[in-house]
């Protein structure tokens, strides 16, 4: 049996790498589309911009109080 750089094992490994890269590419393409939609919404609507700032950066108006509620049932405890 003759082994070179094009043997079946290396081809199988390369095929796996290719599959993973294609999967990542699809993921990032979807993320780009979602980000572009978000950007369009933020640039065209002040209400969307305000909502985004409040949710992502916990921004508030001067006359408001913000309460952060944490669901403790979702937090895993290490025992």
C-alpha atoms as a PDB file:
ATOM      1  CA  UNK A   1       0.000   0.000   0.000  1.00  0.00           C
ATOM      2  CA  UNK A   2       1.326   3.411  -0.952  1.00  0.00           C
ATOM      3  CA  UNK A   3       0.776   6.444   1.304  1.00  0.00           C
ATOM      4  CA  UNK A   4       1.021  10.003   0.109  1.00  0.00           C
ATOM      5  CA  UNK A   5      -0.545  13.356   1.001  1.00  0.00           C
ATOM      6  CA  UNK A   6      -3.796  12.379  -0.741  1.00  0.00           C
ATOM      7  CA  UNK A   7      -4.637   9.257   1.228  1.00  0.00           C
ATOM      8  CA  UNK A   8      -8.160   8.477   2.412  1.00  0.00           C
ATOM      9  CA  UNK A   9      -7.558   9.483   6.012  1.00  0.00           C
ATOM     10  CA  UNK A  10      -6.360  12.966   5.134  1.00  0.00           C
ATOM     11  CA  UNK A  11      -9.173  13.360   2.608  1.00  0.00           C
ATOM     12  CA  UNK A  12     -11.717  12.402   5.273  1.00  0.00           C
ATOM     13  CA  UNK A  13     -10.206  14.903   7.721  1.00  0.00           C
ATOM     14  CA  UNK A  14     -10.183  17.632   5.084  1.00  0.00           C
ATOM     15  CA  UNK A  15     -13.791  16.879   4.225  1.00  0.00           C
ATOM     16  CA  UNK A  16     -14.736  17.268   7.891  1.00  0.00           C
ATOM     17  CA  UNK A  17     -12.927  20.587   8.063  1.00  0.00           C
ATOM     18  CA  UNK A  18     -14.709  21.716   4.908  1.00  0.00           C
ATOM     19  CA  UNK A  19     -18.104  20.716   6.348  1.00  0.00           C
ATOM     20  CA  UNK A  20     -17.433  22.655   9.566  1.00  0.00           C
ATOM     21  CA  UNK A  21     -16.299  25.718   7.613  1.00  0.00           C
ATOM     22  CA  UNK A  22     -19.406  25.636   5.432  1.00  0.00           C
ATOM     23  CA  UNK A  23     -21.560  25.386   8.553  1.00  0.00           C
ATOM     24  CA  UNK A  24     -19.772  28.390  10.072  1.00  0.00           C
ATOM     25  CA  UNK A  25     -20.207  30.305   6.829  1.00  0.00           C
ATOM     26  CA  UNK A  26     -23.981  29.709   6.861  1.00  0.00           C
ATOM     27  CA  UNK A  27     -24.134  30.822  10.502  1.00  0.00           C
ATOM     28  CA  UNK A  28     -22.232  34.040   9.846  1.00  0.00           C
ATOM     29  CA  UNK A  29     -24.249  34.803   6.723  1.00  0.00           C
ATOM     30  CA  UNK A  30     -27.437  34.559   8.800  1.00  0.00           C
ATOM     31  CA  UNK A  31     -25.881  36.774  11.465  1.00  0.00           C
ATOM     32  CA  UNK A  32     -24.950  39.358   8.825  1.00  0.00           C
ATOM     33  CA  UNK A  33     -28.526  39.435   7.527  1.00  0.00           C
ATOM     34  CA  UNK A  34     -29.901  39.827  11.071  1.00  0.00           C
ATOM     35  CA  UNK A  35     -27.393  42.563  11.884  1.00  0.00           C
ATOM     36  CA  UNK A  36     -28.240  44.425   8.684  1.00  0.00           C
ATOM     37  CA  UNK A  37     -31.955  44.272   9.573  1.00  0.00           C
ATOM     38  CA  UNK A  38     -31.198  45.594  13.065  1.00  0.00           C
ATOM     39  CA  UNK A  39     -29.035  48.385  11.646  1.00  0.00           C
ATOM     40  CA  UNK A  40     -31.733  49.424   9.197  1.00  0.00           C
ATOM     41  CA  UNK A  41     -34.313  49.497  11.986  1.00  0.00           C
ATOM     42  CA  UNK A  42     -32.011  51.525  14.234  1.00  0.00           C
ATOM     43  CA  UNK A  43     -31.184  54.064  11.541  1.00  0.00           C
ATOM     44  CA  UNK A  44     -34.790  54.612  10.470  1.00  0.00           C
ATOM     45  CA  UNK A  45     -36.660  54.712  13.769  1.00  0.00           C
ATOM     46  CA  UNK A  46     -35.884  56.609  16.960  1.00  0.00           C
ATOM     47  CA  UNK A  47     -38.163  54.309  18.959  1.00  0.00           C
ATOM     48  CA  UNK A  48     -36.127  51.275  17.852  1.00  0.00           C
ATOM     49  CA  UNK A  49     -32.921  53.118  18.728  1.00  0.00           C
ATOM     50  CA  UNK A  50     -34.239  53.932  22.200  1.00  0.00           C
ATOM     51  CA  UNK A  51     -35.424  50.355  22.748  1.00  0.00           C
ATOM     52  CA  UNK A  52     -32.048  48.966  21.649  1.00  0.00           C
ATOM     53  CA  UNK A  53     -30.148  51.327  23.949  1.00  0.00           C
ATOM     54  CA  UNK A  54     -32.371  50.425  26.892  1.00  0.00           C
ATOM     55  CA  UNK A  55     -32.090  46.662  26.348  1.00  0.00           C
ATOM     56  CA  UNK A  56     -28.435  46.333  25.398  1.00  0.00           C
ATOM     57  CA  UNK A  57     -26.822  49.061  27.492  1.00  0.00           C
ATOM     58  CA  UNK A  58     -29.337  49.418  30.346  1.00  0.00           C
ATOM     59  CA  UNK A  59     -29.760  53.106  29.526  1.00  0.00           C
ATOM     60  CA  UNK A  60     -32.547  55.049  31.176  1.00  0.00           C
ATOM     61  CA  UNK A  61     -34.112  58.470  31.194  1.00  0.00           C
ATOM     62  CA  UNK A  62     -33.200  60.933  33.952  1.00  0.00           C
ATOM     63  CA  UNK A  63     -36.560  60.642  35.731  1.00  0.00           C
ATOM     64  CA  UNK A  64     -36.730  56.815  35.677  1.00  0.00           C
ATOM     65  CA  UNK A  65     -35.674  54.010  37.938  1.00  0.00           C
ATOM     66  CA  UNK A  66     -34.673  50.689  36.421  1.00  0.00           C
ATOM     67  CA  UNK A  67     -35.102  47.427  38.279  1.00  0.00           C
ATOM     68  CA  UNK A  68     -33.123  44.441  37.131  1.00  0.00           C
ATOM     69  CA  UNK A  69     -34.957  41.188  37.867  1.00  0.00           C
ATOM     70  CA  UNK A  70     -32.881  38.009  37.793  1.00  0.00           C
ATOM     71  CA  UNK A  71     -34.575  34.629  37.625  1.00  0.00           C
ATOM     72  CA  UNK A  72     -32.637  32.554  40.155  1.00  0.00           C
ATOM     73  CA  UNK A  73     -34.183  29.310  38.931  1.00  0.00           C
ATOM     74  CA  UNK A  74     -32.076  29.593  35.778  1.00  0.00           C
ATOM     75  CA  UNK A  75     -28.811  29.974  37.670  1.00  0.00           C
ATOM     76  CA  UNK A  76     -26.984  26.700  38.229  1.00  0.00           C
ATOM     77  CA  UNK A  77     -25.589  26.203  41.681  1.00  0.00           C
ATOM     78  CA  UNK A  78     -22.487  24.144  42.200  1.00  0.00           C
ATOM     79  CA  UNK A  79     -22.936  21.756  45.121  1.00  0.00           C
END
